[in-house]
Structure formats: C-alpha cells, structure tokens
Amino acid sequence: MSRAAPLFTVLLPVHRPPHLLPFAIDSVLAQSEPDFELVVVCDGAPRETIDCARAYAARDRRVVVRPFEKGERHGEAHRHAVLTAAASRFVAQIGDDDLWFPDHLAELALLLDKVDFGNLLQAELSPQGAVDIHMGDLADPEIRRRMREGAWNFFGPTCAGYRLGAYRCLPTGWSPAPPDVWSDLHMWRKFLQRQDLAFGTRFSVQAVKLSAGTRAGMPLEDRAAEHRAVAAQMTHEAERRNFQARAFQAMFKALFVTS
C-alpha cells in the first residue's frame, strides 16, 4: 500500500558537518502536527552529515535524505528538485542551525489554510541571551512593496510557509539568486510579484533563530554546545513561553518606546 501524501513537506538544506543537524531534526520530529515528510537536502554535505541524516531516516520513516553534489550558491536548485516530486499540500523549511517549537507546523497550517504564502514571526536569540524580533505583516501591501523593491526582508525560510500548488504556479521556483540578493528574498519576490495569490503573517513565535551572522568566528563545536543548551531549555513549556514573552516585549518596545 502506498503512503498517503503528507500535509507538509519540510525542507532542511545542509552543507556543513553535522554538529548542529540533530537539534534541528529533533525539533521537527517533536511537532504536535505529525503529518509531514522531512527532506534533508544535502548540498554537497560531507559523508558524516549524510550518515547522520540517514540514521534518523532509519528510525523514522518521515525522514528522507537527498544527497546532491554542491550546487550553485546555496543549492537552491536542489530544493526545487525535491518540490518537483513532492505531493504534500504545504511546504515549510528549517535551517540546520535553527530550532522549532512543537506547535510550529500546527500554527503554520492555520495560516496556510487562509493564504498561499506567509510567515510566522522570526525571533532571534543572541549569543549573549538577548531576544530580538523582526516585524512586518505580509498582508500589508506596503510591506510587500518594500520586499519586492528594496534590500529588506523580515523573515527567513525557517519561519516561512507556502502552498505547494502556489509554488508550482510560479514560472521559476527555487533558483540561485543574483550575487547582490539574499537567497530567501529572491525566492519570496517570486511569490510577491503575483497578483493572484493571498499573503499573510501569523503573529506567533514558534522558533528560535540562532543566527550565524551574530556567531561569526564561533567554532561549530561551540555552536553545538550552545544549541544543546538551548534545545534542552526549550523542551520545557515554561521556557518556551518565557522566550515568546520576551520576543513580544522586544516588539512592543520597538513599536512604542521612543528615545
């Protein structure tokens, strides 16, 4: 008997050694919405990364490993190859250095029942423990215009989601971005240029972004130690609620506190 199509296809692109990968995979497998396939897209990743992902696939049939040779830029074309074969209703993505809370896919499904392309809020945890949040609402035409026309973006792939049917209506899907355009913004603009799609943001914090940009020069071993501590902390509902509260406090402060 063939397996029924999942609700979500979750892309997890990875190109580096597997120091951080288990934490991202574990956060996906812990979702309260269990109806998904997790495709680990290995973009020229080393053998130990492929072996790590395959060990998960051997234990959980929802995990699929797709090894590729290193692709142009961030291997965006590999993501398109995976989605060409997908049969799900929705698409999500997680960075190998990010963590989802258990209700991430459930919250994203509530949004994608109403829109073709959208996002949850992106909240970042700094190495010093500060929480920052990126603000915007895709339902706002002005926000969409800023993203189409300028070097501005308020969410990355870990917080984004879209209907697979909407993706397949695009003339071009995931593809290498020009050198002066961020990979994710290049993809988002393909959706945002369409007048026949619905857009929206759900004001829910369901992930922790441990940005590589604020950890430049930090060895992978040190980042893994940080991930281990944060992942263990976020297994507790009270800690997740505390992080969410701090994220919204940061948002309110940015909106209402003037210097």
C-alpha atoms as a PDB file:
ATOM      1  CA  MET A   1       0.000   0.000   0.000  1.00  0.00           C
ATOM      2  CA  SER A   2       1.389   3.382  -0.957  1.00  0.00           C
ATOM      3  CA  ARG A   3       1.860   6.020   1.712  1.00  0.00           C
ATOM      4  CA  ALA A   4      -0.709   8.828   1.783  1.00  0.00           C
ATOM      5  CA  ALA A   5       0.549  12.279   0.822  1.00  0.00           C
ATOM      6  CA  PRO A   6       1.670  14.237   3.894  1.00  0.00           C
ATOM      7  CA  LEU A   7       0.241  17.597   4.895  1.00  0.00           C
ATOM      8  CA  PHE A   8       3.703  19.211   4.878  1.00  0.00           C
ATOM      9  CA  THR A   9       6.959  18.775   3.019  1.00  0.00           C
ATOM     10  CA  VAL A  10       9.668  20.194   5.282  1.00  0.00           C
ATOM     11  CA  LEU A  11      12.934  21.120   3.578  1.00  0.00           C
ATOM     12  CA  LEU A  12      16.115  21.012   5.652  1.00  0.00           C
ATOM     13  CA  PRO A  13      19.057  22.111   3.484  1.00  0.00           C
ATOM     14  CA  VAL A  14      22.527  21.403   4.885  1.00  0.00           C
ATOM     15  CA  HIS A  15      26.031  21.738   3.505  1.00  0.00           C
ATOM     16  CA  ARG A  16      28.335  21.506   6.540  1.00  0.00           C
ATOM     17  CA  PRO A  17      29.383  18.888   9.115  1.00  0.00           C
ATOM     18  CA  PRO A  18      26.532  17.597  11.284  1.00  0.00           C
ATOM     19  CA  HIS A  19      27.347  19.390  14.554  1.00  0.00           C
ATOM     20  CA  LEU A  20      24.012  21.258  14.577  1.00  0.00           C
ATOM     21  CA  LEU A  21      21.859  18.996  12.424  1.00  0.00           C
ATOM     22  CA  PRO A  22      20.484  16.669  15.153  1.00  0.00           C
ATOM     23  CA  PHE A  23      18.985  19.574  17.084  1.00  0.00           C
ATOM     24  CA  ALA A  24      17.076  20.844  14.039  1.00  0.00           C
ATOM     25  CA  ILE A  25      15.854  17.359  13.112  1.00  0.00           C
ATOM     26  CA  ASP A  26      14.763  16.600  16.680  1.00  0.00           C
ATOM     27  CA  SER A  27      12.762  19.836  16.789  1.00  0.00           C
ATOM     28  CA  VAL A  28      10.914  18.816  13.616  1.00  0.00           C
ATOM     29  CA  LEU A  29      10.216  15.285  14.831  1.00  0.00           C
ATOM     30  CA  ALA A  30       8.761  16.728  18.052  1.00  0.00           C
ATOM     31  CA  GLN A  31       5.985  18.597  16.199  1.00  0.00           C
ATOM     32  CA  SER A  32       2.441  18.388  17.549  1.00  0.00           C
ATOM     33  CA  GLU A  33       1.345  18.193  13.880  1.00  0.00           C
ATOM     34  CA  PRO A  34       2.811  14.804  12.899  1.00  0.00           C
ATOM     35  CA  ASP A  35       1.694  14.689   9.255  1.00  0.00           C
ATOM     36  CA  PHE A  36       4.851  15.673   7.397  1.00  0.00           C
ATOM     37  CA  GLU A  37       7.830  14.431   5.460  1.00  0.00           C
ATOM     38  CA  LEU A  38      11.203  15.901   6.404  1.00  0.00           C
ATOM     39  CA  VAL A  39      13.578  16.024   3.448  1.00  0.00           C
ATOM     40  CA  VAL A  40      17.214  16.586   4.410  1.00  0.00           C
ATOM     41  CA  VAL A  41      18.644  18.244   1.304  1.00  0.00           C
ATOM     42  CA  CYS A  42      22.392  17.604   1.395  1.00  0.00           C
ATOM     43  CA  ASP A  43      24.035  20.286  -0.748  1.00  0.00           C
ATOM     44  CA  GLY A  44      27.490  18.770  -1.168  1.00  0.00           C
ATOM     45  CA  ALA A  45      27.443  17.933   2.552  1.00  0.00           C
ATOM     46  CA  PRO A  46      30.219  15.695   3.890  1.00  0.00           C
ATOM     47  CA  ARG A  47      29.695  11.970   4.327  1.00  0.00           C
ATOM     48  CA  GLU A  48      29.238  12.237   8.100  1.00  0.00           C
ATOM     49  CA  THR A  49      26.320  14.632   7.587  1.00  0.00           C
ATOM     50  CA  ILE A  50      24.620  12.240   5.168  1.00  0.00           C
ATOM     51  CA  ASP A  51      25.214   9.361   7.591  1.00  0.00           C
ATOM     52  CA  CYS A  52      23.733  11.386  10.471  1.00  0.00           C
ATOM     53  CA  ALA A  53      20.598  12.138   8.460  1.00  0.00           C
ATOM     54  CA  ARG A  54      20.282   8.530   7.303  1.00  0.00           C
ATOM     55  CA  ALA A  55      20.471   7.337  10.896  1.00  0.00           C
ATOM     56  CA  TYR A  56      17.355   9.412  11.592  1.00  0.00           C
ATOM     57  CA  ALA A  57      15.684   8.077   8.432  1.00  0.00           C
ATOM     58  CA  ALA A  58      16.297   4.533   9.639  1.00  0.00           C
ATOM     59  CA  ARG A  59      14.390   5.313  12.846  1.00  0.00           C
ATOM     60  CA  ASP A  60      11.573   7.464  11.460  1.00  0.00           C
ATOM     61  CA  ARG A  61      10.029   6.864   8.044  1.00  0.00           C
ATOM     62  CA  ARG A  62       9.031  10.523   7.762  1.00  0.00           C
ATOM     63  CA  VAL A  63      12.694  11.453   7.277  1.00  0.00           C
ATOM     64  CA  VAL A  64      14.031  11.339   3.704  1.00  0.00           C
ATOM     65  CA  VAL A  65      17.662  12.015   2.774  1.00  0.00           C
ATOM     66  CA  ARG A  66      18.515  13.505  -0.624  1.00  0.00           C
ATOM     67  CA  PRO A  67      22.279  13.824  -1.256  1.00  0.00           C
ATOM     68  CA  PHE A  68      23.358  16.168  -4.053  1.00  0.00           C
ATOM     69  CA  GLU A  69      26.645  17.475  -5.361  1.00  0.00           C
ATOM     70  CA  LYS A  70      27.371  21.035  -4.225  1.00  0.00           C
ATOM     71  CA  GLY A  71      25.036  23.310  -6.130  1.00  0.00           C
ATOM     72  CA  GLU A  72      25.394  26.901  -7.247  1.00  0.00           C
ATOM     73  CA  ARG A  73      25.234  29.401  -4.370  1.00  0.00           C
ATOM     74  CA  HIS A  74      23.172  27.729  -1.608  1.00  0.00           C
ATOM     75  CA  GLY A  75      21.998  24.780  -3.668  1.00  0.00           C
ATOM     76  CA  GLU A  76      18.594  26.359  -4.254  1.00  0.00           C
ATOM     77  CA  ALA A  77      18.029  24.234  -7.367  1.00  0.00           C
ATOM     78  CA  HIS A  78      18.142  21.110  -5.183  1.00  0.00           C
ATOM     79  CA  ARG A  79      15.164  22.409  -3.212  1.00  0.00           C
ATOM     80  CA  HIS A  80      13.263  22.836  -6.456  1.00  0.00           C
ATOM     81  CA  ALA A  81      14.112  19.258  -7.443  1.00  0.00           C
ATOM     82  CA  VAL A  82      12.665  17.998  -4.151  1.00  0.00           C
ATOM     83  CA  LEU A  83       9.481  20.054  -4.520  1.00  0.00           C
ATOM     84  CA  THR A  84       9.016  18.876  -8.091  1.00  0.00           C
ATOM     85  CA  ALA A  85       8.500  15.374  -6.706  1.00  0.00           C
ATOM     86  CA  ALA A  86       6.560  16.375  -3.573  1.00  0.00           C
ATOM     87  CA  ALA A  87       2.877  15.529  -3.098  1.00  0.00           C
ATOM     88  CA  SER A  88       2.098  17.495   0.067  1.00  0.00           C
ATOM     89  CA  ARG A  89      -0.326  20.383   0.467  1.00  0.00           C
ATOM     90  CA  PHE A  90       2.061  22.758   2.244  1.00  0.00           C
ATOM     91  CA  VAL A  91       5.807  23.453   2.285  1.00  0.00           C
ATOM     92  CA  ALA A  92       7.939  24.586   5.227  1.00  0.00           C
ATOM     93  CA  GLN A  93      11.673  24.848   5.745  1.00  0.00           C
ATOM     94  CA  ILE A  94      14.102  24.906   8.659  1.00  0.00           C
ATOM     95  CA  GLY A  95      17.748  25.902   8.800  1.00  0.00           C
ATOM     96  CA  ASP A  96      20.100  23.306  10.226  1.00  0.00           C
ATOM     97  CA  ASP A  97      21.116  25.901  12.838  1.00  0.00           C
ATOM     98  CA  ASP A  98      17.563  26.807  13.953  1.00  0.00           C
ATOM     99  CA  LEU A  99      15.059  25.196  16.322  1.00  0.00           C
ATOM    100  CA  TRP A 100      11.287  24.856  16.043  1.00  0.00           C
ATOM    101  CA  PHE A 101       8.868  24.797  18.955  1.00  0.00           C
ATOM    102  CA  PRO A 102       6.415  21.858  18.943  1.00  0.00           C
ATOM    103  CA  ASP A 103       3.490  23.890  17.551  1.00  0.00           C
ATOM    104  CA  HIS A 104       5.367  25.432  14.624  1.00  0.00           C
ATOM    105  CA  LEU A 105       3.733  23.346  11.888  1.00  0.00           C
ATOM    106  CA  ALA A 106       0.315  23.494  13.566  1.00  0.00           C
ATOM    107  CA  GLU A 107       0.472  27.292  13.631  1.00  0.00           C
ATOM    108  CA  LEU A 108       1.761  27.433  10.064  1.00  0.00           C
ATOM    109  CA  ALA A 109      -1.085  25.186   8.896  1.00  0.00           C
ATOM    110  CA  LEU A 110      -3.630  27.582  10.420  1.00  0.00           C
ATOM    111  CA  LEU A 111      -2.065  30.384   8.381  1.00  0.00           C
ATOM    112  CA  LEU A 112      -1.789  28.420   5.135  1.00  0.00           C
ATOM    113  CA  ASP A 113      -5.442  27.414   5.323  1.00  0.00           C
ATOM    114  CA  LYS A 114      -6.094  31.096   4.559  1.00  0.00           C
ATOM    115  CA  VAL A 115      -3.139  32.283   2.445  1.00  0.00           C
ATOM    116  CA  ASP A 116      -0.883  30.970  -0.299  1.00  0.00           C
ATOM    117  CA  PHE A 117       2.365  32.319   1.122  1.00  0.00           C
ATOM    118  CA  GLY A 118       3.108  33.599   4.586  1.00  0.00           C
ATOM    119  CA  ASN A 119       5.216  33.509   7.701  1.00  0.00           C
ATOM    120  CA  LEU A 120       5.296  33.238  11.450  1.00  0.00           C
ATOM    121  CA  LEU A 121       7.333  35.816  13.342  1.00  0.00           C
ATOM    122  CA  GLN A 122      11.107  35.449  13.362  1.00  0.00           C
ATOM    123  CA  ALA A 123      12.690  35.771  16.805  1.00  0.00           C
ATOM    124  CA  GLU A 124      16.450  35.591  17.281  1.00  0.00           C
ATOM    125  CA  LEU A 125      18.487  34.669  20.338  1.00  0.00           C
ATOM    126  CA  SER A 126      21.871  36.368  20.543  1.00  0.00           C
ATOM    127  CA  PRO A 127      24.979  34.657  21.970  1.00  0.00           C
ATOM    128  CA  GLN A 128      24.578  36.988  24.978  1.00  0.00           C
ATOM    129  CA  GLY A 129      20.999  35.812  25.571  1.00  0.00           C
ATOM    130  CA  ALA A 130      19.140  38.845  24.189  1.00  0.00           C
ATOM    131  CA  VAL A 131      15.948  38.288  22.181  1.00  0.00           C
ATOM    132  CA  ASP A 132      15.157  40.309  19.065  1.00  0.00           C
ATOM    133  CA  ILE A 133      12.176  40.057  16.752  1.00  0.00           C
ATOM    134  CA  HIS A 134      11.642  41.078  13.139  1.00  0.00           C
ATOM    135  CA  MET A 135       8.389  42.916  12.483  1.00  0.00           C
ATOM    136  CA  GLY A 136       6.179  43.042   9.437  1.00  0.00           C
ATOM    137  CA  ASP A 137       2.902  41.744   8.025  1.00  0.00           C
ATOM    138  CA  LEU A 138       2.685  40.258   4.557  1.00  0.00           C
ATOM    139  CA  ALA A 139      -0.981  41.231   4.422  1.00  0.00           C
ATOM    140  CA  ASP A 140       0.193  44.862   4.174  1.00  0.00           C
ATOM    141  CA  PRO A 141       0.748  45.907   0.528  1.00  0.00           C
ATOM    142  CA  GLU A 142       3.419  48.393   1.612  1.00  0.00           C
ATOM    143  CA  ILE A 143       5.429  45.645   3.306  1.00  0.00           C
ATOM    144  CA  ARG A 144       5.226  43.555   0.147  1.00  0.00           C
ATOM    145  CA  ARG A 145       6.322  46.516  -1.966  1.00  0.00           C
ATOM    146  CA  ARG A 146       9.372  47.085   0.262  1.00  0.00           C
ATOM    147  CA  MET A 147      10.373  43.453  -0.108  1.00  0.00           C
ATOM    148  CA  ARG A 148       9.920  43.482  -3.869  1.00  0.00           C
ATOM    149  CA  GLU A 149      11.801  46.720  -4.475  1.00  0.00           C
ATOM    150  CA  GLY A 150      14.442  47.063  -1.772  1.00  0.00           C
ATOM    151  CA  ALA A 151      17.079  45.141   0.150  1.00  0.00           C
ATOM    152  CA  TRP A 152      14.731  44.453   3.054  1.00  0.00           C
ATOM    153  CA  ASN A 153      13.335  41.229   4.496  1.00  0.00           C
ATOM    154  CA  PHE A 154      11.792  40.423   7.865  1.00  0.00           C
ATOM    155  CA  PHE A 155      11.767  36.607   7.867  1.00  0.00           C
ATOM    156  CA  GLY A 156      13.897  33.762   6.636  1.00  0.00           C
ATOM    157  CA  PRO A 157      12.996  30.266   5.426  1.00  0.00           C
ATOM    158  CA  THR A 158      12.709  28.835   8.963  1.00  0.00           C
ATOM    159  CA  CYS A 159       9.582  30.957   9.559  1.00  0.00           C
ATOM    160  CA  ALA A 160       8.085  30.804   6.053  1.00  0.00           C
ATOM    161  CA  GLY A 161       5.476  28.544   4.507  1.00  0.00           C
ATOM    162  CA  TYR A 162       3.560  28.239   1.257  1.00  0.00           C
ATOM    163  CA  ARG A 163       1.097  26.068  -0.549  1.00  0.00           C
ATOM    164  CA  LEU A 164       2.743  23.644  -2.933  1.00  0.00           C
ATOM    165  CA  GLY A 165       0.088  24.470  -5.523  1.00  0.00           C
ATOM    166  CA  ALA A 166       1.039  28.152  -5.361  1.00  0.00           C
ATOM    167  CA  TYR A 167       4.720  27.280  -5.725  1.00  0.00           C
ATOM    168  CA  ARG A 168       4.007  25.253  -8.842  1.00  0.00           C
ATOM    169  CA  CYS A 169       2.171  28.192 -10.411  1.00  0.00           C
ATOM    170  CA  LEU A 170       5.373  30.246 -10.377  1.00  0.00           C
ATOM    171  CA  PRO A 171       7.302  30.493 -13.652  1.00  0.00           C
ATOM    172  CA  THR A 172      10.508  29.736 -11.712  1.00  0.00           C
ATOM    173  CA  GLY A 173      10.829  28.183  -8.274  1.00  0.00           C
ATOM    174  CA  TRP A 174      13.914  27.973  -6.067  1.00  0.00           C
ATOM    175  CA  SER A 175      16.929  29.001  -8.130  1.00  0.00           C
ATOM    176  CA  PRO A 176      20.335  30.624  -7.493  1.00  0.00           C
ATOM    177  CA  ALA A 177      19.940  34.273  -6.558  1.00  0.00           C
ATOM    178  CA  PRO A 178      21.987  37.076  -8.100  1.00  0.00           C
ATOM    179  CA  PRO A 179      25.129  37.825  -6.054  1.00  0.00           C
ATOM    180  CA  ASP A 180      23.652  41.011  -4.609  1.00  0.00           C
ATOM    181  CA  VAL A 181      20.300  39.495  -3.500  1.00  0.00           C
ATOM    182  CA  TRP A 182      19.688  37.289  -0.482  1.00  0.00           C
ATOM    183  CA  SER A 183      18.665  33.779  -1.436  1.00  0.00           C
ATOM    184  CA  ASP A 184      15.420  33.798   0.537  1.00  0.00           C
ATOM    185  CA  LEU A 185      14.350  37.282  -0.587  1.00  0.00           C
ATOM    186  CA  HIS A 186      14.977  36.256  -4.205  1.00  0.00           C
ATOM    187  CA  MET A 187      12.501  33.401  -3.683  1.00  0.00           C
ATOM    188  CA  TRP A 188       9.956  35.463  -1.752  1.00  0.00           C
ATOM    189  CA  ARG A 189       9.827  38.044  -4.539  1.00  0.00           C
ATOM    190  CA  LYS A 190       8.654  35.364  -6.951  1.00  0.00           C
ATOM    191  CA  PHE A 191       5.560  34.906  -4.791  1.00  0.00           C
ATOM    192  CA  LEU A 192       5.110  38.600  -4.027  1.00  0.00           C
ATOM    193  CA  GLN A 193       5.080  39.577  -7.700  1.00  0.00           C
ATOM    194  CA  ARG A 194       1.895  37.584  -8.194  1.00  0.00           C
ATOM    195  CA  GLN A 195      -1.422  39.411  -8.038  1.00  0.00           C
ATOM    196  CA  ASP A 196      -3.451  36.198  -7.830  1.00  0.00           C
ATOM    197  CA  LEU A 197      -2.038  34.947  -4.504  1.00  0.00           C
ATOM    198  CA  ALA A 198      -3.046  35.687  -0.916  1.00  0.00           C
ATOM    199  CA  PHE A 199      -0.419  36.686   1.655  1.00  0.00           C
ATOM    200  CA  GLY A 200      -0.338  36.972   5.412  1.00  0.00           C
ATOM    201  CA  THR A 201       1.641  36.813   8.646  1.00  0.00           C
ATOM    202  CA  ARG A 202       0.554  34.929  11.745  1.00  0.00           C
ATOM    203  CA  PHE A 203       1.758  36.755  14.847  1.00  0.00           C
ATOM    204  CA  SER A 204       3.073  33.669  16.558  1.00  0.00           C
ATOM    205  CA  VAL A 205       6.631  32.921  17.723  1.00  0.00           C
ATOM    206  CA  GLN A 206       7.301  29.217  17.223  1.00  0.00           C
ATOM    207  CA  ALA A 207      11.031  29.054  16.509  1.00  0.00           C
ATOM    208  CA  VAL A 208      14.381  30.175  17.830  1.00  0.00           C
ATOM    209  CA  LYS A 209      16.815  31.529  15.269  1.00  0.00           C
ATOM    210  CA  LEU A 210      20.433  31.171  16.375  1.00  0.00           C
ATOM    211  CA  SER A 211      21.807  33.398  13.649  1.00  0.00           C
ATOM    212  CA  ALA A 212      25.142  32.543  12.073  1.00  0.00           C
ATOM    213  CA  GLY A 213      25.651  36.255  11.447  1.00  0.00           C
ATOM    214  CA  THR A 214      25.930  37.010  15.154  1.00  0.00           C
ATOM    215  CA  ARG A 215      28.141  33.967  15.656  1.00  0.00           C
ATOM    216  CA  ALA A 216      30.762  34.662  13.012  1.00  0.00           C
ATOM    217  CA  GLY A 217      34.027  33.058  14.018  1.00  0.00           C
ATOM    218  CA  MET A 218      32.409  30.803  16.624  1.00  0.00           C
ATOM    219  CA  PRO A 219      33.653  27.218  16.103  1.00  0.00           C
ATOM    220  CA  LEU A 220      30.996  24.650  15.220  1.00  0.00           C
ATOM    221  CA  GLU A 221      31.815  22.772  18.425  1.00  0.00           C
ATOM    222  CA  ASP A 222      30.941  25.868  20.470  1.00  0.00           C
ATOM    223  CA  ARG A 223      27.776  26.442  18.474  1.00  0.00           C
ATOM    224  CA  ALA A 224      26.788  22.821  19.078  1.00  0.00           C
ATOM    225  CA  ALA A 225      27.241  23.286  22.808  1.00  0.00           C
ATOM    226  CA  GLU A 226      25.029  26.384  22.678  1.00  0.00           C
ATOM    227  CA  HIS A 227      22.394  24.536  20.643  1.00  0.00           C
ATOM    228  CA  ARG A 228      22.396  21.650  23.085  1.00  0.00           C
ATOM    229  CA  ALA A 229      21.742  24.005  25.991  1.00  0.00           C
ATOM    230  CA  VAL A 230      19.025  25.997  24.185  1.00  0.00           C
ATOM    231  CA  ALA A 231      17.315  22.858  22.863  1.00  0.00           C
ATOM    232  CA  ALA A 232      17.251  21.332  26.339  1.00  0.00           C
ATOM    233  CA  GLN A 233      15.874  24.562  27.788  1.00  0.00           C
ATOM    234  CA  MET A 234      13.131  24.810  25.175  1.00  0.00           C
ATOM    235  CA  THR A 235      11.808  21.319  25.877  1.00  0.00           C
ATOM    236  CA  HIS A 236      10.045  22.962  28.842  1.00  0.00           C
ATOM    237  CA  GLU A 237       6.810  24.763  28.023  1.00  0.00           C
ATOM    238  CA  ALA A 238       7.505  27.446  30.633  1.00  0.00           C
ATOM    239  CA  GLU A 239      10.809  28.294  28.944  1.00  0.00           C
ATOM    240  CA  ARG A 240       9.167  28.486  25.523  1.00  0.00           C
ATOM    241  CA  ARG A 241       6.502  30.813  26.911  1.00  0.00           C
ATOM    242  CA  ASN A 242       9.199  32.934  28.502  1.00  0.00           C
ATOM    243  CA  PHE A 243      11.045  33.225  25.176  1.00  0.00           C
ATOM    244  CA  GLN A 244       7.808  34.138  23.391  1.00  0.00           C
ATOM    245  CA  ALA A 245       7.022  36.779  26.019  1.00  0.00           C
ATOM    246  CA  ARG A 246      10.493  38.283  25.678  1.00  0.00           C
ATOM    247  CA  ALA A 247      10.093  38.382  21.890  1.00  0.00           C
ATOM    248  CA  PHE A 248       6.792  40.262  22.120  1.00  0.00           C
ATOM    249  CA  GLN A 249       8.242  42.602  24.727  1.00  0.00           C
ATOM    250  CA  ALA A 250      11.000  43.416  22.246  1.00  0.00           C
ATOM    251  CA  MET A 251       8.377  44.067  19.576  1.00  0.00           C
ATOM    252  CA  PHE A 252       6.304  46.347  21.776  1.00  0.00           C
ATOM    253  CA  LYS A 253       9.400  48.231  22.858  1.00  0.00           C
ATOM    254  CA  ALA A 254      10.399  48.835  19.251  1.00  0.00           C
ATOM    255  CA  LEU A 255       6.877  49.988  18.393  1.00  0.00           C
ATOM    256  CA  PHE A 256       6.040  52.205  21.333  1.00  0.00           C
ATOM    257  CA  VAL A 257       9.178  53.282  23.153  1.00  0.00           C
ATOM    258  CA  THR A 258      10.758  56.401  21.698  1.00  0.00           C
ATOM    259  CA  SER A 259      14.176  57.748  22.527  1.00  0.00           C
END
